[in-house]
N, C-alpha and C. Protein backbone atom coordinates (compact mmCIF):
# COMPACT_ATOMS: atom_id res chain seq x y z
N MET A 1 22.66 -6.83 36.55
CA MET A 1 21.32 -6.81 35.95
C MET A 1 21.29 -7.86 34.84
N SER A 2 20.29 -8.69 34.87
CA SER A 2 20.21 -9.75 33.88
C SER A 2 19.78 -9.20 32.52
N ASN A 3 20.04 -10.01 31.47
CA ASN A 3 19.61 -9.61 30.13
C ASN A 3 18.12 -9.37 30.07
N GLU A 4 17.35 -10.20 30.75
CA GLU A 4 15.90 -10.06 30.74
C GLU A 4 15.48 -8.71 31.33
N ARG A 5 16.14 -8.32 32.39
CA ARG A 5 15.82 -7.04 33.03
C ARG A 5 16.17 -5.87 32.11
N ILE A 6 17.30 -5.97 31.42
CA ILE A 6 17.70 -4.94 30.45
C ILE A 6 16.66 -4.88 29.32
N ASN A 7 16.30 -6.05 28.79
CA ASN A 7 15.29 -6.12 27.72
C ASN A 7 14.00 -5.44 28.14
N GLU A 8 13.52 -5.74 29.34
CA GLU A 8 12.26 -5.17 29.82
C GLU A 8 12.38 -3.67 30.00
N ALA A 9 13.50 -3.20 30.52
CA ALA A 9 13.69 -1.76 30.71
C ALA A 9 13.65 -1.04 29.37
N LEU A 10 14.32 -1.59 28.38
CA LEU A 10 14.34 -0.97 27.06
C LEU A 10 12.96 -1.02 26.40
N LYS A 11 12.25 -2.11 26.60
CA LYS A 11 10.90 -2.21 26.03
C LYS A 11 9.95 -1.22 26.70
N LYS A 12 10.10 -1.01 28.00
CA LYS A 12 9.26 -0.03 28.71
C LYS A 12 9.53 1.38 28.18
N PHE A 13 10.72 1.59 27.67
CA PHE A 13 11.06 2.88 27.08
C PHE A 13 10.44 3.03 25.70
N GLY A 14 9.92 1.93 25.16
CA GLY A 14 9.23 1.99 23.87
C GLY A 14 9.95 1.30 22.73
N LEU A 15 11.04 0.62 23.03
CA LEU A 15 11.75 -0.09 21.98
C LEU A 15 11.04 -1.40 21.67
N SER A 16 11.04 -1.76 20.39
CA SER A 16 10.48 -3.05 19.98
C SER A 16 11.49 -4.15 20.29
N SER A 17 11.06 -5.39 20.14
CA SER A 17 11.97 -6.52 20.38
C SER A 17 13.18 -6.46 19.44
N ILE A 18 12.93 -6.08 18.19
CA ILE A 18 14.03 -5.97 17.22
C ILE A 18 14.96 -4.82 17.62
N ASP A 19 14.38 -3.69 18.03
CA ASP A 19 15.20 -2.56 18.47
C ASP A 19 16.13 -2.97 19.62
N VAL A 20 15.58 -3.72 20.56
CA VAL A 20 16.37 -4.18 21.71
C VAL A 20 17.51 -5.08 21.23
N GLN A 21 17.20 -6.01 20.34
CA GLN A 21 18.24 -6.90 19.80
C GLN A 21 19.35 -6.10 19.13
N VAL A 22 18.95 -5.15 18.29
CA VAL A 22 19.93 -4.35 17.54
C VAL A 22 20.78 -3.52 18.50
N TYR A 23 20.13 -2.86 19.47
CA TYR A 23 20.87 -2.03 20.41
C TYR A 23 21.88 -2.86 21.20
N ILE A 24 21.43 -3.97 21.76
CA ILE A 24 22.32 -4.81 22.57
C ILE A 24 23.46 -5.37 21.72
N PHE A 25 23.15 -5.77 20.50
CA PHE A 25 24.19 -6.27 19.59
C PHE A 25 25.26 -5.20 19.37
N LEU A 26 24.82 -3.99 19.05
CA LEU A 26 25.79 -2.91 18.81
C LEU A 26 26.55 -2.54 20.07
N ALA A 27 25.88 -2.57 21.21
CA ALA A 27 26.56 -2.26 22.47
C ALA A 27 27.66 -3.27 22.77
N ASN A 28 27.43 -4.52 22.39
CA ASN A 28 28.42 -5.58 22.63
C ASN A 28 29.48 -5.67 21.55
N GLN A 29 29.11 -5.39 20.31
CA GLN A 29 30.02 -5.63 19.18
C GLN A 29 30.70 -4.38 18.64
N GLY A 30 30.22 -3.21 19.00
CA GLY A 30 30.80 -1.98 18.46
C GLY A 30 30.16 -1.62 17.13
N SER A 31 30.81 -0.71 16.42
CA SER A 31 30.27 -0.19 15.15
C SER A 31 30.12 -1.29 14.11
N LYS A 32 28.95 -1.30 13.46
CA LYS A 32 28.68 -2.29 12.42
C LYS A 32 27.83 -1.68 11.32
N GLU A 33 27.96 -2.25 10.13
CA GLU A 33 27.12 -1.88 9.00
C GLU A 33 25.81 -2.65 9.08
N ILE A 34 24.82 -2.16 8.35
CA ILE A 34 23.50 -2.81 8.35
C ILE A 34 23.61 -4.28 7.97
N LYS A 35 24.37 -4.57 6.93
CA LYS A 35 24.49 -5.97 6.48
C LYS A 35 25.03 -6.87 7.58
N GLU A 36 26.04 -6.38 8.30
CA GLU A 36 26.64 -7.17 9.38
C GLU A 36 25.64 -7.42 10.50
N ILE A 37 24.87 -6.40 10.83
CA ILE A 37 23.88 -6.54 11.90
C ILE A 37 22.80 -7.54 11.48
N ALA A 38 22.31 -7.38 10.27
CA ALA A 38 21.26 -8.28 9.77
C ALA A 38 21.73 -9.73 9.75
N LEU A 39 22.94 -9.93 9.29
CA LEU A 39 23.49 -11.29 9.22
C LEU A 39 23.66 -11.89 10.62
N ALA A 40 24.23 -11.12 11.52
CA ALA A 40 24.48 -11.63 12.88
C ALA A 40 23.19 -11.93 13.63
N LEU A 41 22.16 -11.11 13.41
CA LEU A 41 20.90 -11.30 14.13
C LEU A 41 19.88 -12.11 13.34
N ASP A 42 20.26 -12.53 12.14
CA ASP A 42 19.38 -13.31 11.27
C ASP A 42 18.05 -12.58 11.04
N LEU A 43 18.18 -11.31 10.65
CA LEU A 43 17.02 -10.47 10.38
C LEU A 43 17.12 -9.89 8.97
N PRO A 44 16.00 -9.60 8.33
CA PRO A 44 16.04 -8.95 7.02
C PRO A 44 16.65 -7.54 7.15
N GLU A 45 17.43 -7.14 6.16
CA GLU A 45 18.08 -5.83 6.20
C GLU A 45 17.07 -4.70 6.33
N LYS A 46 15.90 -4.82 5.68
CA LYS A 46 14.88 -3.77 5.79
C LYS A 46 14.44 -3.56 7.23
N LYS A 47 14.26 -4.66 7.97
CA LYS A 47 13.85 -4.54 9.38
C LYS A 47 14.95 -3.89 10.21
N VAL A 48 16.18 -4.26 9.93
CA VAL A 48 17.31 -3.68 10.65
C VAL A 48 17.41 -2.19 10.33
N HIS A 49 17.26 -1.85 9.06
CA HIS A 49 17.32 -0.45 8.64
C HIS A 49 16.24 0.37 9.35
N ARG A 50 15.02 -0.15 9.37
CA ARG A 50 13.90 0.54 10.04
C ARG A 50 14.20 0.71 11.53
N SER A 51 14.70 -0.35 12.14
CA SER A 51 15.03 -0.31 13.56
C SER A 51 16.11 0.74 13.84
N LEU A 52 17.13 0.77 13.00
CA LEU A 52 18.21 1.74 13.20
C LEU A 52 17.70 3.18 13.07
N LYS A 53 16.80 3.41 12.12
CA LYS A 53 16.21 4.75 11.99
C LYS A 53 15.44 5.13 13.24
N ASP A 54 14.66 4.18 13.76
CA ASP A 54 13.90 4.43 14.98
C ASP A 54 14.83 4.69 16.17
N LEU A 55 15.88 3.89 16.28
CA LEU A 55 16.83 4.05 17.39
C LEU A 55 17.59 5.37 17.28
N GLN A 56 17.90 5.78 16.07
CA GLN A 56 18.56 7.07 15.88
C GLN A 56 17.63 8.22 16.29
N SER A 57 16.35 8.09 15.97
CA SER A 57 15.41 9.18 16.25
C SER A 57 15.26 9.43 17.75
N ILE A 58 15.54 8.42 18.56
CA ILE A 58 15.46 8.61 20.01
C ILE A 58 16.85 8.64 20.65
N THR A 59 17.85 8.85 19.83
CA THR A 59 19.26 9.01 20.25
C THR A 59 19.82 7.83 21.05
N VAL A 60 19.44 6.64 20.67
CA VAL A 60 19.96 5.43 21.31
C VAL A 60 21.09 4.84 20.47
N VAL A 61 21.07 5.16 19.18
CA VAL A 61 22.09 4.70 18.23
C VAL A 61 22.54 5.90 17.40
N GLU A 62 23.82 5.92 17.07
CA GLU A 62 24.37 6.97 16.21
C GLU A 62 24.96 6.32 14.97
N ALA A 63 25.06 7.13 13.90
CA ALA A 63 25.63 6.64 12.64
C ALA A 63 26.90 7.42 12.34
N SER A 64 27.82 6.74 11.66
CA SER A 64 29.05 7.40 11.22
C SER A 64 28.70 8.35 10.08
N ILE A 65 29.64 9.22 9.75
CA ILE A 65 29.40 10.13 8.62
C ILE A 65 30.04 9.62 7.34
N GLU A 66 30.85 8.58 7.46
CA GLU A 66 31.50 8.00 6.28
C GLU A 66 30.60 6.96 5.64
N TYR A 67 30.92 6.66 4.38
CA TYR A 67 30.21 5.60 3.67
C TYR A 67 31.15 4.43 3.54
N PRO A 68 30.72 3.20 3.72
CA PRO A 68 29.37 2.81 4.11
C PRO A 68 29.10 3.18 5.57
N LEU A 69 27.84 3.49 5.84
CA LEU A 69 27.45 3.88 7.19
C LEU A 69 27.70 2.75 8.18
N GLU A 70 28.22 3.13 9.32
CA GLU A 70 28.33 2.20 10.44
C GLU A 70 27.52 2.78 11.59
N PHE A 71 26.91 1.90 12.34
CA PHE A 71 26.07 2.33 13.45
C PHE A 71 26.69 1.87 14.75
N MET A 72 26.55 2.72 15.77
CA MET A 72 27.08 2.37 17.08
C MET A 72 26.06 2.71 18.16
N ALA A 73 26.09 1.94 19.23
CA ALA A 73 25.16 2.16 20.34
C ALA A 73 25.66 3.31 21.21
N VAL A 74 24.74 4.12 21.66
CA VAL A 74 25.06 5.14 22.66
C VAL A 74 25.28 4.37 23.97
N PRO A 75 26.24 4.79 24.79
CA PRO A 75 26.47 4.07 26.06
C PRO A 75 25.18 3.92 26.88
N PHE A 76 25.02 2.76 27.48
CA PHE A 76 23.79 2.42 28.20
C PHE A 76 23.47 3.43 29.29
N GLU A 77 24.48 3.93 29.97
CA GLU A 77 24.24 4.92 31.02
C GLU A 77 23.57 6.17 30.46
N GLU A 78 23.98 6.59 29.26
CA GLU A 78 23.36 7.74 28.61
C GLU A 78 21.91 7.43 28.22
N VAL A 79 21.68 6.21 27.78
CA VAL A 79 20.31 5.79 27.43
C VAL A 79 19.42 5.85 28.67
N ILE A 80 19.91 5.36 29.80
CA ILE A 80 19.13 5.39 31.04
C ILE A 80 18.86 6.84 31.44
N ASN A 81 19.89 7.68 31.38
CA ASN A 81 19.70 9.09 31.73
C ASN A 81 18.65 9.75 30.83
N PHE A 82 18.70 9.42 29.55
CA PHE A 82 17.72 9.96 28.60
C PHE A 82 16.31 9.47 28.95
N MET A 83 16.20 8.18 29.27
CA MET A 83 14.91 7.60 29.64
C MET A 83 14.34 8.31 30.87
N ILE A 84 15.19 8.59 31.84
CA ILE A 84 14.77 9.27 33.06
C ILE A 84 14.25 10.67 32.72
N GLU A 85 14.98 11.38 31.88
CA GLU A 85 14.55 12.74 31.50
C GLU A 85 13.22 12.72 30.76
N VAL A 86 13.05 11.75 29.86
CA VAL A 86 11.77 11.64 29.13
C VAL A 86 10.63 11.40 30.11
N LYS A 87 10.82 10.49 31.05
CA LYS A 87 9.77 10.18 32.03
C LYS A 87 9.48 11.40 32.91
N LYS A 88 10.51 12.15 33.29
CA LYS A 88 10.30 13.37 34.08
C LYS A 88 9.45 14.37 33.31
N GLU A 89 9.77 14.55 32.03
CA GLU A 89 9.01 15.47 31.19
C GLU A 89 7.56 15.03 31.04
N GLN A 90 7.37 13.72 30.88
CA GLN A 90 6.01 13.19 30.77
C GLN A 90 5.23 13.45 32.05
N ALA A 91 5.88 13.27 33.20
CA ALA A 91 5.23 13.53 34.48
C ALA A 91 4.89 15.01 34.63
N LYS A 92 5.79 15.89 34.23
CA LYS A 92 5.53 17.34 34.30
C LYS A 92 4.34 17.71 33.42
N THR A 93 4.29 17.16 32.22
CA THR A 93 3.19 17.44 31.30
C THR A 93 1.87 16.96 31.88
N LEU A 94 1.86 15.78 32.44
CA LEU A 94 0.65 15.25 33.05
C LEU A 94 0.22 16.10 34.24
N GLN A 95 1.18 16.50 35.07
CA GLN A 95 0.88 17.34 36.23
C GLN A 95 0.30 18.68 35.78
N ALA A 96 0.88 19.26 34.73
CA ALA A 96 0.43 20.56 34.23
C ALA A 96 -0.99 20.49 33.67
N SER A 97 -1.38 19.35 33.13
CA SER A 97 -2.71 19.24 32.53
C SER A 97 -3.71 18.54 33.45
N LYS A 98 -3.33 18.28 34.68
CA LYS A 98 -4.17 17.53 35.62
C LYS A 98 -5.54 18.19 35.82
N LYS A 99 -5.57 19.50 36.12
CA LYS A 99 -6.85 20.17 36.38
C LYS A 99 -7.77 20.07 35.17
N GLU A 100 -7.22 20.35 34.00
CA GLU A 100 -8.03 20.30 32.77
C GLU A 100 -8.55 18.89 32.51
N LEU A 101 -7.69 17.90 32.69
CA LEU A 101 -8.11 16.51 32.48
C LEU A 101 -9.22 16.12 33.45
N LEU A 102 -9.06 16.48 34.72
CA LEU A 102 -10.09 16.14 35.71
C LEU A 102 -11.40 16.85 35.42
N SER A 103 -11.31 18.09 35.00
CA SER A 103 -12.52 18.84 34.65
C SER A 103 -13.23 18.19 33.47
N THR A 104 -12.46 17.83 32.46
CA THR A 104 -13.03 17.17 31.29
C THR A 104 -13.65 15.83 31.69
N TRP A 105 -12.95 15.09 32.53
CA TRP A 105 -13.45 13.79 32.99
C TRP A 105 -14.78 13.95 33.72
N ARG A 106 -14.83 14.95 34.59
CA ARG A 106 -16.08 15.18 35.34
C ARG A 106 -17.24 15.52 34.40
N SER A 107 -16.96 16.36 33.40
CA SER A 107 -18.04 16.73 32.48
C SER A 107 -18.51 15.53 31.67
N ILE A 108 -17.61 14.66 31.31
CA ILE A 108 -17.98 13.45 30.56
C ILE A 108 -18.80 12.51 31.44
N THR A 109 -18.33 12.27 32.66
CA THR A 109 -19.03 11.32 33.53
C THR A 109 -20.36 11.88 34.02
N GLU A 110 -20.45 13.22 34.19
CA GLU A 110 -21.74 13.81 34.59
C GLU A 110 -22.76 13.68 33.48
N LYS A 111 -22.33 13.86 32.22
CA LYS A 111 -23.24 13.71 31.08
C LYS A 111 -23.73 12.27 30.99
N ASP A 112 -22.77 11.33 31.19
CA ASP A 112 -23.14 9.90 31.12
C ASP A 112 -24.11 9.55 32.25
N SER A 113 -23.89 10.11 33.43
CA SER A 113 -24.77 9.84 34.59
C SER A 113 -26.17 10.38 34.34
N ALA A 114 -26.23 11.57 33.73
CA ALA A 114 -27.51 12.21 33.49
C ALA A 114 -28.34 11.42 32.47
N LYS A 115 -27.67 10.76 31.55
CA LYS A 115 -28.37 9.96 30.52
C LYS A 115 -28.98 8.70 31.10
N SER A 116 -28.40 8.18 32.17
CA SER A 116 -28.87 6.90 32.75
C SER A 116 -30.16 7.03 33.48
């Protein structure tokens, strides 16, 4: 799988361009501190910090418990499995609300039709 394909897959999961850069960097380089990541990627530390918080919140990156904090990428296979589970849950939620959504849609479009 090419880098571009990996980038697109991660972006479809909702990662920003910076998140993708940070994740791939950590996956290739191992555990790193914020300063090291920022320096290597030529990004401001604040942006890297924000990205790491976002990546942690979706369990794509983990942090050490020691100080200074080091961050490491969750293995890509686990990230893919997580992405699959999220998409399955989204599909279940959409399926469960399908009748209500269609009913609401019909009532909206019928009102709009009646006004015309």
